[in-house]
Structure formats: C-alpha cells, structure tokens
C-alpha cells in the first residue's frame, strides 16, 4: 500500500504518521517523508531503526527522543 509519511513529536516519543491521503496528516508535523510503498506492520517492526536514522539526520530535532509509535 502507498502511505504518506509525516513525523511529529510528543514528549520523548516520535509519532510516525502513515496515512493513505495526504490531507489526513496532522498539521504539526516536523518533516514530511513523502509517499512510500510500505505497510504499517513493516513500519512498526522497523520504527526504532528509523528513529536511530533520524537522530543522525537531524539531531537537533530528534536527538532527545526515546520511543517511536505508528499512527
């Protein structure tokens, strides 16, 4: 399936928003990762690898996060 991926934060948690229509992404996302061919099951299984990559990519934004969830 194709999902639009948006990233937001809540406390020390990364919120990975995966929605079928871009209009359903939250208005307070930090980064839009584009349209991806994936599943929510795959995102959930690899969410901490993705969080580690984000910490290296933008440490000033994502460096203090410890948890990751898919919504």
PDB file of N, CA and C in Angstrom:
ATOM      1  N   UNK A   1       0.833  -1.187   0.000  1.00  0.00           N
ATOM      2  CA  UNK A   1       0.000   0.000   0.000  1.00  0.00           C
ATOM      3  C   UNK A   1       0.875   1.247   0.000  1.00  0.00           C
ATOM      4  N   UNK A   2       0.345   2.302  -0.496  1.00  0.00           N
ATOM      5  CA  UNK A   2       1.052   3.571  -0.529  1.00  0.00           C
ATOM      6  C   UNK A   2       0.569   4.453   0.616  1.00  0.00           C
ATOM      7  N   UNK A   3       1.531   4.953   1.403  1.00  0.00           N
ATOM      8  CA  UNK A   3       1.218   5.820   2.531  1.00  0.00           C
ATOM      9  C   UNK A   3       2.021   7.111   2.418  1.00  0.00           C
ATOM     10  N   UNK A   4       1.435   8.191   2.886  1.00  0.00           N
ATOM     11  CA  UNK A   4       2.148   9.449   3.077  1.00  0.00           C
ATOM     12  C   UNK A   4       2.682   9.402   4.507  1.00  0.00           C
ATOM     13  N   UNK A   5       3.965   9.700   4.687  1.00  0.00           N
ATOM     14  CA  UNK A   5       4.610   9.582   5.992  1.00  0.00           C
ATOM     15  C   UNK A   5       4.957  10.973   6.513  1.00  0.00           C
ATOM     16  N   UNK A   6       4.445  11.281   7.700  1.00  0.00           N
ATOM     17  CA  UNK A   6       4.758  12.537   8.372  1.00  0.00           C
ATOM     18  C   UNK A   6       5.295  12.238   9.763  1.00  0.00           C
ATOM     19  N   UNK A   7       6.166  13.080  10.252  1.00  0.00           N
ATOM     20  CA  UNK A   7       6.802  12.870  11.555  1.00  0.00           C
ATOM     21  C   UNK A   7       6.451  14.006  12.503  1.00  0.00           C
ATOM     22  N   UNK A   8       6.031  13.641  13.688  1.00  0.00           N
ATOM     23  CA  UNK A   8       5.782  14.631  14.729  1.00  0.00           C
ATOM     24  C   UNK A   8       6.329  14.091  16.041  1.00  0.00           C
ATOM     25  N   UNK A   9       6.308  14.933  17.068  1.00  0.00           N
ATOM     26  CA  UNK A   9       6.847  14.547  18.378  1.00  0.00           C
ATOM     27  C   UNK A   9       5.818  14.843  19.457  1.00  0.00           C
ATOM     28  N   UNK A  10       5.873  14.032  20.506  1.00  0.00           N
ATOM     29  CA  UNK A  10       5.080  14.288  21.702  1.00  0.00           C
ATOM     30  C   UNK A  10       5.932  13.846  22.884  1.00  0.00           C
ATOM     31  N   UNK A  11       6.443  14.806  23.617  1.00  0.00           N
ATOM     32  CA  UNK A  11       7.351  14.482  24.709  1.00  0.00           C
ATOM     33  C   UNK A  11       8.616  13.843  24.153  1.00  0.00           C
ATOM     34  N   UNK A  12       8.935  12.640  24.623  1.00  0.00           N
ATOM     35  CA  UNK A  12      10.112  11.913  24.146  1.00  0.00           C
ATOM     36  C   UNK A  12       9.752  10.835  23.136  1.00  0.00           C
ATOM     37  N   UNK A  13       8.580  10.981  22.510  1.00  0.00           N
ATOM     38  CA  UNK A  13       8.081   9.981  21.576  1.00  0.00           C
ATOM     39  C   UNK A  13       7.990  10.539  20.162  1.00  0.00           C
ATOM     40  N   UNK A  14       8.519   9.773  19.215  1.00  0.00           N
ATOM     41  CA  UNK A  14       8.359  10.078  17.798  1.00  0.00           C
ATOM     42  C   UNK A  14       7.034   9.487  17.341  1.00  0.00           C
ATOM     43  N   UNK A  15       6.215  10.289  16.698  1.00  0.00           N
ATOM     44  CA  UNK A  15       4.960   9.833  16.127  1.00  0.00           C
ATOM     45  C   UNK A  15       5.167   9.736  14.617  1.00  0.00           C
ATOM     46  N   UNK A  16       5.099   8.521  14.087  1.00  0.00           N
ATOM     47  CA  UNK A  16       5.214   8.307  12.651  1.00  0.00           C
ATOM     48  C   UNK A  16       3.798   8.184  12.115  1.00  0.00           C
ATOM     49  N   UNK A  17       3.356   9.202  11.418  1.00  0.00           N
ATOM     50  CA  UNK A  17       2.001   9.206  10.868  1.00  0.00           C
ATOM     51  C   UNK A  17       2.040   8.602   9.466  1.00  0.00           C
ATOM     52  N   UNK A  18       1.265   7.562   9.256  1.00  0.00           N
ATOM     53  CA  UNK A  18       1.173   6.902   7.951  1.00  0.00           C
ATOM     54  C   UNK A  18      -0.290   6.930   7.529  1.00  0.00           C
ATOM     55  N   UNK A  19      -0.584   7.737   6.518  1.00  0.00           N
ATOM     56  CA  UNK A  19      -1.966   7.904   6.074  1.00  0.00           C
ATOM     57  C   UNK A  19      -2.052   7.695   4.562  1.00  0.00           C
ATOM     58  N   UNK A  20      -3.206   7.246   4.112  1.00  0.00           N
ATOM     59  CA  UNK A  20      -3.409   6.982   2.679  1.00  0.00           C
ATOM     60  C   UNK A  20      -3.585   8.278   1.886  1.00  0.00           C
ATOM     61  N   UNK A  21      -4.162   9.303   2.505  1.00  0.00           N
ATOM     62  CA  UNK A  21      -4.400  10.586   1.838  1.00  0.00           C
ATOM     63  C   UNK A  21      -3.616  11.672   2.574  1.00  0.00           C
ATOM     64  N   UNK A  22      -2.864  12.454   1.853  1.00  0.00           N
ATOM     65  CA  UNK A  22      -2.017  13.486   2.455  1.00  0.00           C
ATOM     66  C   UNK A  22      -2.832  14.480   3.288  1.00  0.00           C
ATOM     67  N   UNK A  23      -4.097  14.661   2.954  1.00  0.00           N
ATOM     68  CA  UNK A  23      -4.945  15.600   3.684  1.00  0.00           C
ATOM     69  C   UNK A  23      -5.177  15.179   5.133  1.00  0.00           C
ATOM     70  N   UNK A  24      -4.919  13.913   5.471  1.00  0.00           N
ATOM     71  CA  UNK A  24      -5.148  13.420   6.827  1.00  0.00           C
ATOM     72  C   UNK A  24      -3.920  13.497   7.723  1.00  0.00           C
ATOM     73  N   UNK A  25      -2.812  14.011   7.197  1.00  0.00           N
ATOM     74  CA  UNK A  25      -1.644  14.209   8.057  1.00  0.00           C
ATOM     75  C   UNK A  25      -1.930  15.334   9.046  1.00  0.00           C
ATOM     76  N   UNK A  26      -1.376  15.196  10.247  1.00  0.00           N
ATOM     77  CA  UNK A  26      -1.542  16.236  11.258  1.00  0.00           C
ATOM     78  C   UNK A  26      -0.925  17.549  10.802  1.00  0.00           C
ATOM     79  N   UNK A  27      -1.426  18.628  11.355  1.00  0.00           N
ATOM     80  CA  UNK A  27      -0.942  19.952  10.931  1.00  0.00           C
ATOM     81  C   UNK A  27       0.364  20.337  11.617  1.00  0.00           C
ATOM     82  N   UNK A  28       0.806  19.587  12.611  1.00  0.00           N
ATOM     83  CA  UNK A  28       2.016  19.942  13.351  1.00  0.00           C
ATOM     84  C   UNK A  28       3.162  18.971  13.092  1.00  0.00           C
ATOM     85  N   UNK A  29       3.301  18.494  11.851  1.00  0.00           N
ATOM     86  CA  UNK A  29       4.396  17.580  11.559  1.00  0.00           C
ATOM     87  C   UNK A  29       5.701  18.370  11.412  1.00  0.00           C
ATOM     88  N   UNK A  30       6.807  17.728  11.800  1.00  0.00           N
ATOM     89  CA  UNK A  30       8.134  18.349  11.681  1.00  0.00           C
ATOM     90  C   UNK A  30       8.708  18.098  10.299  1.00  0.00           C
ATOM     91  N   UNK A  31       8.510  16.882   9.796  1.00  0.00           N
ATOM     92  CA  UNK A  31       9.040  16.541   8.476  1.00  0.00           C
ATOM     93  C   UNK A  31       8.036  15.674   7.735  1.00  0.00           C
ATOM     94  N   UNK A  32       7.954  15.903   6.437  1.00  0.00           N
ATOM     95  CA  UNK A  32       7.149  15.071   5.550  1.00  0.00           C
ATOM     96  C   UNK A  32       8.127  14.202   4.770  1.00  0.00           C
ATOM     97  N   UNK A  33       7.999  12.886   4.893  1.00  0.00           N
ATOM     98  CA  UNK A  33       8.943  11.966   4.275  1.00  0.00           C
ATOM     99  C   UNK A  33       8.496  11.503   2.894  1.00  0.00           C
ATOM    100  N   UNK A  34       7.363  11.971   2.444  1.00  0.00           N
ATOM    101  CA  UNK A  34       6.917  11.647   1.103  1.00  0.00           C
ATOM    102  C   UNK A  34       5.970  10.465   1.067  1.00  0.00           C
ATOM    103  N   UNK A  35       5.713  10.037  -0.139  1.00  0.00           N
ATOM    104  CA  UNK A  35       4.820   8.920  -0.396  1.00  0.00           C
ATOM    105  C   UNK A  35       5.678   7.656  -0.473  1.00  0.00           C
ATOM    106  N   UNK A  36       5.336   6.654   0.307  1.00  0.00           N
ATOM    107  CA  UNK A  36       6.143   5.428   0.371  1.00  0.00           C
ATOM    108  C   UNK A  36       5.269   4.195   0.160  1.00  0.00           C
ATOM    109  N   UNK A  37       5.839   3.210  -0.485  1.00  0.00           N
ATOM    110  CA  UNK A  37       5.183   1.918  -0.669  1.00  0.00           C
ATOM    111  C   UNK A  37       5.617   1.053   0.514  1.00  0.00           C
ATOM    112  N   UNK A  38       4.728   0.862   1.486  1.00  0.00           N
ATOM    113  CA  UNK A  38       5.054   0.126   2.709  1.00  0.00           C
ATOM    114  C   UNK A  38       3.774  -0.353   3.371  1.00  0.00           C
ATOM    115  N   UNK A  39       3.923  -0.974   4.525  1.00  0.00           N
ATOM    116  CA  UNK A  39       2.776  -1.368   5.343  1.00  0.00           C
ATOM    117  C   UNK A  39       3.003  -0.845   6.755  1.00  0.00           C
ATOM    118  N   UNK A  40       1.934  -0.713   7.504  1.00  0.00           N
ATOM    119  CA  UNK A  40       2.086  -0.272   8.894  1.00  0.00           C
ATOM    120  C   UNK A  40       2.801  -1.338   9.719  1.00  0.00           C
ATOM    121  N   UNK A  41       2.621  -2.592   9.361  1.00  0.00           N
ATOM    122  CA  UNK A  41       3.310  -3.685  10.052  1.00  0.00           C
ATOM    123  C   UNK A  41       4.824  -3.546   9.870  1.00  0.00           C
ATOM    124  N   UNK A  42       5.263  -3.227   8.656  1.00  0.00           N
ATOM    125  CA  UNK A  42       6.689  -3.034   8.391  1.00  0.00           C
ATOM    126  C   UNK A  42       7.215  -1.815   9.143  1.00  0.00           C
ATOM    127  N   UNK A  43       6.457  -0.723   9.123  1.00  0.00           N
ATOM    128  CA  UNK A  43       6.880   0.479   9.853  1.00  0.00           C
ATOM    129  C   UNK A  43       7.026   0.190  11.342  1.00  0.00           C
ATOM    130  N   UNK A  44       6.062  -0.537  11.901  1.00  0.00           N
ATOM    131  CA  UNK A  44       6.114  -0.855  13.327  1.00  0.00           C
ATOM    132  C   UNK A  44       7.327  -1.726  13.648  1.00  0.00           C
ATOM    133  N   UNK A  45       7.623  -2.681  12.803  1.00  0.00           N
ATOM    134  CA  UNK A  45       8.754  -3.583  13.043  1.00  0.00           C
ATOM    135  C   UNK A  45      10.096  -2.857  12.985  1.00  0.00           C
ATOM    136  N   UNK A  46      10.190  -1.788  12.198  1.00  0.00           N
ATOM    137  CA  UNK A  46      11.465  -1.090  11.992  1.00  0.00           C
ATOM    138  C   UNK A  46      11.471   0.328  12.550  1.00  0.00           C
ATOM    139  N   UNK A  47      10.559   0.647  13.440  1.00  0.00           N
ATOM    140  CA  UNK A  47      10.436   2.023  13.919  1.00  0.00           C
ATOM    141  C   UNK A  47      11.658   2.504  14.690  1.00  0.00           C
ATOM    142  N   UNK A  48      12.327   1.626  15.438  1.00  0.00           N
ATOM    143  CA  UNK A  48      13.488   2.082  16.202  1.00  0.00           C
ATOM    144  C   UNK A  48      14.726   2.228  15.321  1.00  0.00           C
ATOM    145  N   UNK A  49      14.821   1.474  14.245  1.00  0.00           N
ATOM    146  CA  UNK A  49      15.894   1.690  13.271  1.00  0.00           C
ATOM    147  C   UNK A  49      15.701   3.051  12.602  1.00  0.00           C
ATOM    148  N   UNK A  50      14.454   3.363  12.279  1.00  0.00           N
ATOM    149  CA  UNK A  50      14.128   4.656  11.667  1.00  0.00           C
ATOM    150  C   UNK A  50      14.427   5.795  12.638  1.00  0.00           C
ATOM    151  N   UNK A  51      14.085   5.616  13.918  1.00  0.00           N
ATOM    152  CA  UNK A  51      14.377   6.630  14.929  1.00  0.00           C
ATOM    153  C   UNK A  51      15.885   6.865  15.029  1.00  0.00           C
ATOM    154  N   UNK A  52      16.670   5.797  15.007  1.00  0.00           N
ATOM    155  CA  UNK A  52      18.131   5.944  15.067  1.00  0.00           C
ATOM    156  C   UNK A  52      18.649   6.729  13.864  1.00  0.00           C
ATOM    157  N   UNK A  53      18.100   6.457  12.680  1.00  0.00           N
ATOM    158  CA  UNK A  53      18.495   7.191  11.481  1.00  0.00           C
ATOM    159  C   UNK A  53      18.130   8.674  11.610  1.00  0.00           C
ATOM    160  N   UNK A  54      16.931   8.949  12.128  1.00  0.00           N
ATOM    161  CA  UNK A  54      16.501  10.336  12.302  1.00  0.00           C
ATOM    162  C   UNK A  54      17.394  11.086  13.280  1.00  0.00           C
ATOM    163  N   UNK A  55      17.827  10.420  14.331  1.00  0.00           N
ATOM    164  CA  UNK A  55      18.713  11.059  15.313  1.00  0.00           C
ATOM    165  C   UNK A  55      20.030  11.484  14.670  1.00  0.00           C
ATOM    166  N   UNK A  56      20.512  10.699  13.714  1.00  0.00           N
ATOM    167  CA  UNK A  56      21.740  11.064  13.000  1.00  0.00           C
ATOM    168  C   UNK A  56      21.471  12.134  11.947  1.00  0.00           C
ATOM    169  N   UNK A  57      20.310  12.080  11.306  1.00  0.00           N
ATOM    170  CA  UNK A  57      19.955  13.014  10.240  1.00  0.00           C
ATOM    171  C   UNK A  57      19.716  14.419  10.775  1.00  0.00           C
ATOM    172  N   UNK A  58      18.899  14.534  11.821  1.00  0.00           N
ATOM    173  CA  UNK A  58      18.593  15.837  12.421  1.00  0.00           C
ATOM    174  C   UNK A  58      18.658  15.719  13.945  1.00  0.00           C
ATOM    175  N   UNK A  59      19.863  15.697  14.496  1.00  0.00           N
ATOM    176  CA  UNK A  59      19.997  15.517  15.949  1.00  0.00           C
ATOM    177  C   UNK A  59      19.380  16.641  16.773  1.00  0.00           C
ATOM    178  N   UNK A  60      19.342  17.852  16.223  1.00  0.00           N
ATOM    179  CA  UNK A  60      18.752  18.964  16.964  1.00  0.00           C
ATOM    180  C   UNK A  60      17.237  18.825  17.084  1.00  0.00           C
ATOM    181  N   UNK A  61      16.587  18.109  16.180  1.00  0.00           N
ATOM    182  CA  UNK A  61      15.135  17.925  16.217  1.00  0.00           C
ATOM    183  C   UNK A  61      14.762  16.618  16.909  1.00  0.00           C
ATOM    184  N   UNK A  62      15.449  15.524  16.556  1.00  0.00           N
ATOM    185  CA  UNK A  62      15.044  14.192  17.021  1.00  0.00           C
ATOM    186  C   UNK A  62      15.993  13.569  18.050  1.00  0.00           C
ATOM    187  N   UNK A  63      17.052  14.269  18.409  1.00  0.00           N
ATOM    188  CA  UNK A  63      18.089  13.703  19.267  1.00  0.00           C
ATOM    189  C   UNK A  63      17.640  13.280  20.654  1.00  0.00           C
ATOM    190  N   UNK A  64      16.630  13.922  21.222  1.00  0.00           N
ATOM    191  CA  UNK A  64      16.235  13.595  22.595  1.00  0.00           C
ATOM    192  C   UNK A  64      15.102  12.564  22.667  1.00  0.00           C
ATOM    193  N   UNK A  65      14.669  12.024  21.538  1.00  0.00           N
ATOM    194  CA  UNK A  65      13.550  11.079  21.542  1.00  0.00           C
ATOM    195  C   UNK A  65      14.009   9.675  21.931  1.00  0.00           C
ATOM    196  N   UNK A  66      13.135   8.962  22.655  1.00  0.00           N
ATOM    197  CA  UNK A  66      13.485   7.617  23.115  1.00  0.00           C
ATOM    198  C   UNK A  66      12.524   6.549  22.604  1.00  0.00           C
ATOM    199  N   UNK A  67      11.327   6.928  22.239  1.00  0.00           N
ATOM    200  CA  UNK A  67      10.295   5.984  21.842  1.00  0.00           C
ATOM    201  C   UNK A  67       9.776   6.333  20.455  1.00  0.00           C
ATOM    202  N   UNK A  68       9.120   5.367  19.811  1.00  0.00           N
ATOM    203  CA  UNK A  68       8.533   5.601  18.500  1.00  0.00           C
ATOM    204  C   UNK A  68       7.244   4.805  18.379  1.00  0.00           C
ATOM    205  N   UNK A  69       6.210   5.450  17.844  1.00  0.00           N
ATOM    206  CA  UNK A  69       4.927   4.788  17.627  1.00  0.00           C
ATOM    207  C   UNK A  69       4.432   5.104  16.209  1.00  0.00           C
ATOM    208  N   UNK A  70       3.575   4.238  15.711  1.00  0.00           N
ATOM    209  CA  UNK A  70       2.971   4.416  14.397  1.00  0.00           C
ATOM    210  C   UNK A  70       1.517   4.805  14.603  1.00  0.00           C
ATOM    211  N   UNK A  71       1.072   5.811  13.864  1.00  0.00           N
ATOM    212  CA  UNK A  71      -0.356   6.152  13.941  1.00  0.00           C
ATOM    213  C   UNK A  71      -0.930   6.237  12.548  1.00  0.00           C
TER     214      UNK A  71
END
